[in-house]
PDB file of N, CA and C in Angstrom:
ATOM      1  N   MET A   1       9.056 -16.274  11.658  1.00  0.00           N
ATOM      2  CA  MET A   1       8.284 -15.442  10.758  1.00  0.00           C
ATOM      3  C   MET A   1       7.776 -14.221  11.523  1.00  0.00           C
ATOM      4  N   VAL A   2       8.035 -13.071  10.995  1.00  0.00           N
ATOM      5  CA  VAL A   2       7.607 -11.822  11.616  1.00  0.00           C
ATOM      6  C   VAL A   2       6.157 -11.551  11.232  1.00  0.00           C
ATOM      7  N   ALA A   3       5.377 -11.108  12.194  1.00  0.00           N
ATOM      8  CA  ALA A   3       3.973 -10.779  11.920  1.00  0.00           C
ATOM      9  C   ALA A   3       3.886  -9.551  11.020  1.00  0.00           C
ATOM     10  N   THR A   4       2.990  -9.605  10.061  1.00  0.00           N
ATOM     11  CA  THR A   4       2.756  -8.477   9.161  1.00  0.00           C
ATOM     12  C   THR A   4       1.906  -7.441   9.882  1.00  0.00           C
ATOM     13  N   PRO A   5       2.312  -6.171   9.869  1.00  0.00           N
ATOM     14  CA  PRO A   5       1.498  -5.162  10.547  1.00  0.00           C
ATOM     15  C   PRO A   5       0.189  -4.933   9.809  1.00  0.00           C
ATOM     16  N   THR A   6      -0.827  -4.572  10.553  1.00  0.00           N
ATOM     17  CA  THR A   6      -2.109  -4.268   9.940  1.00  0.00           C
ATOM     18  C   THR A   6      -2.047  -2.901   9.245  1.00  0.00           C
ATOM     19  N   TYR A   7      -2.754  -2.763   8.154  1.00  0.00           N
ATOM     20  CA  TYR A   7      -2.804  -1.476   7.455  1.00  0.00           C
ATOM     21  C   TYR A   7      -3.591  -0.439   8.231  1.00  0.00           C
ATOM     22  N   HIS A   8      -4.250  -0.861   9.293  1.00  0.00           N
ATOM     23  CA  HIS A   8      -5.035   0.054  10.105  1.00  0.00           C
ATOM     24  C   HIS A   8      -4.233   0.620  11.272  1.00  0.00           C
ATOM     25  N   ASP A   9      -2.971   0.224  11.378  1.00  0.00           N
ATOM     26  CA  ASP A   9      -2.079   0.755  12.402  1.00  0.00           C
ATOM     27  C   ASP A   9      -1.880   2.255  12.158  1.00  0.00           C
ATOM     28  N   ASP A  10      -1.913   3.045  13.233  1.00  0.00           N
ATOM     29  CA  ASP A  10      -1.775   4.499  13.092  1.00  0.00           C
ATOM     30  C   ASP A  10      -0.480   4.897  12.380  1.00  0.00           C
ATOM     31  N   ARG A  11       0.600   4.165  12.610  1.00  0.00           N
ATOM     32  CA  ARG A  11       1.875   4.474  11.958  1.00  0.00           C
ATOM     33  C   ARG A  11       1.746   4.350  10.446  1.00  0.00           C
ATOM     34  N   LEU A  12       1.055   3.311   9.982  1.00  0.00           N
ATOM     35  CA  LEU A  12       0.898   3.119   8.538  1.00  0.00           C
ATOM     36  C   LEU A  12      -0.152   4.053   7.959  1.00  0.00           C
ATOM     37  N   ARG A  13      -1.149   4.404   8.747  1.00  0.00           N
ATOM     38  CA  ARG A  13      -2.151   5.370   8.271  1.00  0.00           C
ATOM     39  C   ARG A  13      -1.532   6.746   8.077  1.00  0.00           C
ATOM     40  N   ALA A  14      -0.527   7.073   8.902  1.00  0.00           N
ATOM     41  CA  ALA A  14       0.128   8.384   8.819  1.00  0.00           C
ATOM     42  C   ALA A  14       1.274   8.417   7.804  1.00  0.00           C
ATOM     43  N   MET A  15       1.663   7.261   7.299  1.00  0.00           N
ATOM     44  CA  MET A  15       2.797   7.184   6.372  1.00  0.00           C
ATOM     45  C   MET A  15       2.454   7.873   5.047  1.00  0.00           C
ATOM     46  N   ALA A  16       3.402   8.616   4.539  1.00  0.00           N
ATOM     47  CA  ALA A  16       3.207   9.306   3.257  1.00  0.00           C
ATOM     48  C   ALA A  16       3.078   8.285   2.119  1.00  0.00           C
ATOM     49  N   GLU A  17       2.261   8.627   1.130  1.00  0.00           N
ATOM     50  CA  GLU A  17       2.067   7.728  -0.007  1.00  0.00           C
ATOM     51  C   GLU A  17       3.387   7.440  -0.717  1.00  0.00           C
ATOM     52  N   GLY A  18       4.256   8.436  -0.801  1.00  0.00           N
ATOM     53  CA  GLY A  18       5.551   8.237  -1.445  1.00  0.00           C
ATOM     54  C   GLY A  18       6.411   7.211  -0.721  1.00  0.00           C
ATOM     55  N   GLU A  19       6.310   7.181   0.596  1.00  0.00           N
ATOM     56  CA  GLU A  19       7.064   6.192   1.365  1.00  0.00           C
ATOM     57  C   GLU A  19       6.515   4.785   1.118  1.00  0.00           C
ATOM     58  N   ILE A  20       5.204   4.672   1.017  1.00  0.00           N
ATOM     59  CA  ILE A  20       4.602   3.372   0.701  1.00  0.00           C
ATOM     60  C   ILE A  20       5.036   2.938  -0.696  1.00  0.00           C
ATOM     61  N   PHE A  21       5.009   3.869  -1.651  1.00  0.00           N
ATOM     62  CA  PHE A  21       5.441   3.571  -3.017  1.00  0.00           C
ATOM     63  C   PHE A  21       6.887   3.080  -3.018  1.00  0.00           C
ATOM     64  N   ASN A  22       7.739   3.748  -2.256  1.00  0.00           N
ATOM     65  CA  ASN A  22       9.142   3.355  -2.171  1.00  0.00           C
ATOM     66  C   ASN A  22       9.283   1.946  -1.584  1.00  0.00           C
ATOM     67  N   THR A  23       8.489   1.635  -0.581  1.00  0.00           N
ATOM     68  CA  THR A  23       8.540   0.303   0.035  1.00  0.00           C
ATOM     69  C   THR A  23       8.089  -0.766  -0.955  1.00  0.00           C
ATOM     70  N   ILE A  24       7.027  -0.500  -1.695  1.00  0.00           N
ATOM     71  CA  ILE A  24       6.560  -1.461  -2.698  1.00  0.00           C
ATOM     72  C   ILE A  24       7.633  -1.636  -3.779  1.00  0.00           C
ATOM     73  N   THR A  25       8.250  -0.537  -4.167  1.00  0.00           N
ATOM     74  CA  THR A  25       9.238  -0.566  -5.249  1.00  0.00           C
ATOM     75  C   THR A  25      10.529  -1.269  -4.853  1.00  0.00           C
ATOM     76  N   HIS A  26      11.031  -0.957  -3.666  1.00  0.00           N
ATOM     77  CA  HIS A  26      12.362  -1.435  -3.270  1.00  0.00           C
ATOM     78  C   HIS A  26      12.340  -2.502  -2.184  1.00  0.00           C
ATOM     79  N   GLY A  27      11.198  -2.711  -1.553  1.00  0.00           N
ATOM     80  CA  GLY A  27      11.128  -3.657  -0.446  1.00  0.00           C
ATOM     81  C   GLY A  27      11.622  -3.022   0.840  1.00  0.00           C
ATOM     82  N   LYS A  28      11.438  -3.743   1.937  1.00  0.00           N
ATOM     83  CA  LYS A  28      11.881  -3.245   3.237  1.00  0.00           C
ATOM     84  C   LYS A  28      11.909  -4.418   4.195  1.00  0.00           C
ATOM     85  N   ASN A  29      12.985  -4.519   4.949  1.00  0.00           N
ATOM     86  CA  ASN A  29      13.170  -5.628   5.893  1.00  0.00           C
ATOM     87  C   ASN A  29      12.998  -6.962   5.169  1.00  0.00           C
ATOM     88  N   THR A  30      11.996  -7.746   5.534  1.00  0.00           N
ATOM     89  CA  THR A  30      11.805  -9.056   4.896  1.00  0.00           C
ATOM     90  C   THR A  30      10.903  -9.001   3.661  1.00  0.00           C
ATOM     91  N   MET A  31      10.323  -7.829   3.389  1.00  0.00           N
ATOM     92  CA  MET A  31       9.465  -7.687   2.203  1.00  0.00           C
ATOM     93  C   MET A  31      10.341  -7.437   0.983  1.00  0.00           C
ATOM     94  N   LEU A  32      10.191  -8.261  -0.020  1.00  0.00           N
ATOM     95  CA  LEU A  32      10.952  -8.096  -1.255  1.00  0.00           C
ATOM     96  C   LEU A  32      10.338  -7.011  -2.127  1.00  0.00           C
ATOM     97  N   SER A  33      11.093  -6.547  -3.096  1.00  0.00           N
ATOM     98  CA  SER A  33      10.636  -5.559  -4.055  1.00  0.00           C
ATOM     99  C   SER A  33       9.544  -6.138  -4.949  1.00  0.00           C
ATOM    100  N   TYR A  34       8.586  -5.288  -5.313  1.00  0.00           N
ATOM    101  CA  TYR A  34       7.554  -5.656  -6.275  1.00  0.00           C
ATOM    102  C   TYR A  34       7.716  -4.876  -7.580  1.00  0.00           C
ATOM    103  N   ALA A  35       8.845  -4.218  -7.755  1.00  0.00           N
ATOM    104  CA  ALA A  35       9.068  -3.402  -8.946  1.00  0.00           C
ATOM    105  C   ALA A  35       8.996  -4.219 -10.230  1.00  0.00           C
ATOM    106  N   ASP A  36       9.400  -5.485 -10.172  1.00  0.00           N
ATOM    107  CA  ASP A  36       9.364  -6.318 -11.369  1.00  0.00           C
ATOM    108  C   ASP A  36       8.005  -6.988 -11.578  1.00  0.00           C
ATOM    109  N   LYS A  37       7.106  -6.822 -10.626  1.00  0.00           N
ATOM    110  CA  LYS A  37       5.785  -7.461 -10.712  1.00  0.00           C
ATOM    111  C   LYS A  37       4.654  -6.468 -10.954  1.00  0.00           C
ATOM    112  N   LEU A  38       4.846  -5.228 -10.499  1.00  0.00           N
ATOM    113  CA  LEU A  38       3.814  -4.199 -10.627  1.00  0.00           C
ATOM    114  C   LEU A  38       4.388  -2.973 -11.321  1.00  0.00           C
ATOM    115  N   SER A  39       3.665  -2.473 -12.306  1.00  0.00           N
ATOM    116  CA  SER A  39       4.082  -1.234 -12.963  1.00  0.00           C
ATOM    117  C   SER A  39       3.899  -0.078 -11.974  1.00  0.00           C
ATOM    118  N   PRO A  40       4.510   1.071 -12.241  1.00  0.00           N
ATOM    119  CA  PRO A  40       4.289   2.220 -11.353  1.00  0.00           C
ATOM    120  C   PRO A  40       2.798   2.557 -11.175  1.00  0.00           C
ATOM    121  N   ASP A  41       2.017   2.506 -12.254  1.00  0.00           N
ATOM    122  CA  ASP A  41       0.579   2.784 -12.130  1.00  0.00           C
ATOM    123  C   ASP A  41      -0.112   1.766 -11.233  1.00  0.00           C
ATOM    124  N   GLU A  42       0.287   0.509 -11.331  1.00  0.00           N
ATOM    125  CA  GLU A  42      -0.306  -0.527 -10.481  1.00  0.00           C
ATOM    126  C   GLU A  42       0.094  -0.325  -9.019  1.00  0.00           C
ATOM    127  N   ARG A  43       1.316   0.117  -8.777  1.00  0.00           N
ATOM    128  CA  ARG A  43       1.741   0.399  -7.395  1.00  0.00           C
ATOM    129  C   ARG A  43       0.919   1.532  -6.800  1.00  0.00           C
ATOM    130  N   TRP A  44       0.675   2.575  -7.593  1.00  0.00           N
ATOM    131  CA  TRP A  44      -0.167   3.680  -7.097  1.00  0.00           C
ATOM    132  C   TRP A  44      -1.597   3.198  -6.863  1.00  0.00           C
ATOM    133  N   ALA A  45      -2.074   2.296  -7.695  1.00  0.00           N
ATOM    134  CA  ALA A  45      -3.421   1.743  -7.500  1.00  0.00           C
ATOM    135  C   ALA A  45      -3.504   0.944  -6.194  1.00  0.00           C
ATOM    136  N   VAL A  46      -2.450   0.205  -5.874  1.00  0.00           N
ATOM    137  CA  VAL A  46      -2.408  -0.532  -4.598  1.00  0.00           C
ATOM    138  C   VAL A  46      -2.490   0.446  -3.435  1.00  0.00           C
ATOM    139  N   ILE A  47      -1.753   1.539  -3.527  1.00  0.00           N
ATOM    140  CA  ILE A  47      -1.761   2.543  -2.464  1.00  0.00           C
ATOM    141  C   ILE A  47      -3.156   3.148  -2.325  1.00  0.00           C
ATOM    142  N   ALA A  48      -3.806   3.473  -3.436  1.00  0.00           N
ATOM    143  CA  ALA A  48      -5.165   4.028  -3.373  1.00  0.00           C
ATOM    144  C   ALA A  48      -6.129   3.032  -2.744  1.00  0.00           C
ATOM    145  N   TYR A  49      -5.980   1.750  -3.055  1.00  0.00           N
ATOM    146  CA  TYR A  49      -6.842   0.714  -2.486  1.00  0.00           C
ATOM    147  C   TYR A  49      -6.620   0.589  -0.981  1.00  0.00           C
ATOM    148  N   VAL A  50      -5.373   0.593  -0.555  1.00  0.00           N
ATOM    149  CA  VAL A  50      -5.066   0.515   0.881  1.00  0.00           C
ATOM    150  C   VAL A  50      -5.648   1.725   1.601  1.00  0.00           C
ATOM    151  N   ARG A  51      -5.508   2.906   1.022  1.00  0.00           N
ATOM    152  CA  ARG A  51      -6.074   4.113   1.640  1.00  0.00           C
ATOM    153  C   ARG A  51      -7.599   4.017   1.728  1.00  0.00           C
ATOM    154  N   ALA A  52      -8.241   3.455   0.711  1.00  0.00           N
ATOM    155  CA  ALA A  52      -9.701   3.281   0.762  1.00  0.00           C
ATOM    156  C   ALA A  52     -10.088   2.311   1.875  1.00  0.00           C
ATOM    157  N   LEU A  53      -9.333   1.229   2.033  1.00  0.00           N
ATOM    158  CA  LEU A  53      -9.598   0.284   3.125  1.00  0.00           C
ATOM    159  C   LEU A  53      -9.409   0.948   4.484  1.00  0.00           C
ATOM    160  N   GLN A  54      -8.359   1.737   4.616  1.00  0.00           N
ATOM    161  CA  GLN A  54      -8.108   2.433   5.873  1.00  0.00           C
ATOM    162  C   GLN A  54      -9.242   3.401   6.189  1.00  0.00           C
ATOM    163  N   ARG A  55      -9.658   4.140   5.197  1.00  0.00           N
ATOM    164  CA  ARG A  55     -10.728   5.118   5.415  1.00  0.00           C
ATOM    165  C   ARG A  55     -12.030   4.421   5.777  1.00  0.00           C
ATOM    166  N   ALA A  56     -12.350   3.335   5.091  1.00  0.00           N
ATOM    167  CA  ALA A  56     -13.588   2.597   5.376  1.00  0.00           C
ATOM    168  C   ALA A  56     -13.570   2.026   6.787  1.00  0.00           C
ATOM    169  N   HIS A  57     -12.406   1.544   7.224  1.00  0.00           N
ATOM    170  CA  HIS A  57     -12.283   0.935   8.551  1.00  0.00           C
ATOM    171  C   HIS A  57     -12.518   1.961   9.655  1.00  0.00           C
ATOM    172  N   HIS A  58     -12.160   3.204   9.415  1.00  0.00           N
ATOM    173  CA  HIS A  58     -12.270   4.258  10.421  1.00  0.00           C
ATOM    174  C   HIS A  58     -13.398   5.238  10.097  1.00  0.00           C
ATOM    175  N   ALA A  59     -14.309   4.842   9.229  1.00  0.00           N
ATOM    176  CA  ALA A  59     -15.390   5.733   8.808  1.00  0.00           C
ATOM    177  C   ALA A  59     -16.393   5.966   9.942  1.00  0.00           C
ATOM    178  N   THR A  60     -17.008   7.109   9.875  1.00  0.00           N
ATOM    179  CA  THR A  60     -18.088   7.446  10.799  1.00  0.00           C
ATOM    180  C   THR A  60     -19.305   7.841   9.977  1.00  0.00           C
ATOM    181  N   LEU A  61     -20.408   8.012  10.642  1.00  0.00           N
ATOM    182  CA  LEU A  61     -21.635   8.429   9.952  1.00  0.00           C
ATOM    183  C   LEU A  61     -21.440   9.768   9.258  1.00  0.00           C
ATOM    184  N   ASP A  62     -20.578  10.623   9.806  1.00  0.00           N
ATOM    185  CA  ASP A  62     -20.320  11.933   9.188  1.00  0.00           C
ATOM    186  C   ASP A  62     -19.650  11.817   7.827  1.00  0.00           C
ATOM    187  N   ASP A  63     -19.031  10.665   7.527  1.00  0.00           N
ATOM    188  CA  ASP A  63     -18.405  10.458   6.218  1.00  0.00           C
ATOM    189  C   ASP A  63     -19.421  10.112   5.132  1.00  0.00           C
ATOM    190  N   VAL A  64     -20.645   9.778   5.528  1.00  0.00           N
ATOM    191  CA  VAL A  64     -21.693   9.405   4.577  1.00  0.00           C
ATOM    192  C   VAL A  64     -22.476  10.663   4.217  1.00  0.00           C
ATOM    193  N   PRO A  65     -22.674  10.928   2.922  1.00  0.00           N
ATOM    194  CA  PRO A  65     -23.463  12.091   2.538  1.00  0.00           C
ATOM    195  C   PRO A  65     -24.855  12.029   3.185  1.00  0.00           C
ATOM    196  N   PRO A  66     -25.366  13.164   3.646  1.00  0.00           N
ATOM    197  CA  PRO A  66     -26.645  13.163   4.357  1.00  0.00           C
ATOM    198  C   PRO A  66     -27.779  12.473   3.587  1.00  0.00           C
ATOM    199  N   GLU A  67     -27.795  12.612   2.273  1.00  0.00           N
ATOM    200  CA  GLU A  67     -28.882  12.010   1.485  1.00  0.00           C
ATOM    201  C   GLU A  67     -28.805  10.482   1.436  1.00  0.00           C
ATOM    202  N   HIS A  68     -27.695   9.895   1.851  1.00  0.00           N
ATOM    203  CA  HIS A  68     -27.538   8.437   1.829  1.00  0.00           C
ATOM    204  C   HIS A  68     -27.544   7.798   3.219  1.00  0.00           C
ATOM    205  N   ARG A  69     -27.600   8.612   4.249  1.00  0.00           N
ATOM    206  CA  ARG A  69     -27.549   8.054   5.612  1.00  0.00           C
ATOM    207  C   ARG A  69     -28.749   7.173   5.913  1.00  0.00           C
ATOM    208  N   GLY A  70     -29.892   7.487   5.359  1.00  0.00           N
ATOM    209  CA  GLY A  70     -31.089   6.679   5.572  1.00  0.00           C
ATOM    210  C   GLY A  70     -30.976   5.289   4.943  1.00  0.00           C
ATOM    211  N   ASP A  71     -30.096   5.134   3.966  1.00  0.00           N
ATOM    212  CA  ASP A  71     -29.920   3.837   3.293  1.00  0.00           C
ATOM    213  C   ASP A  71     -29.140   2.832   4.152  1.00  0.00           C
ATOM    214  N   LEU A  72     -28.555   3.295   5.237  1.00  0.00           N
ATOM    215  CA  LEU A  72     -27.704   2.425   6.044  1.00  0.00           C
ATOM    216  C   LEU A  72     -28.486   1.472   6.938  1.00  0.00           C
ATOM    217  N   LYS A  73     -29.730   1.748   7.195  1.00  0.00           N
ATOM    218  CA  LYS A  73     -30.483   0.874   8.094  1.00  0.00           C
ATOM    219  C   LYS A  73     -31.626   0.206   7.392  1.00  0.00           C
TER     220      LYS A  73
END
């Protein structure tokens, strides 16, 4: 069994959304296609969710609006 790469890997963070969409649609290597399980809108929603997770994982205090920084502690 091949290890699944983390979504926080720099290679995947730099990957174009269209390439991710293509991978979800057609599969790649041992990953099967999800075209019959997810509509195109759902595939784009998965990509948006992954991007939100990536951004949150690499967030800094500068990403928080100044008026909300005090709420963090």
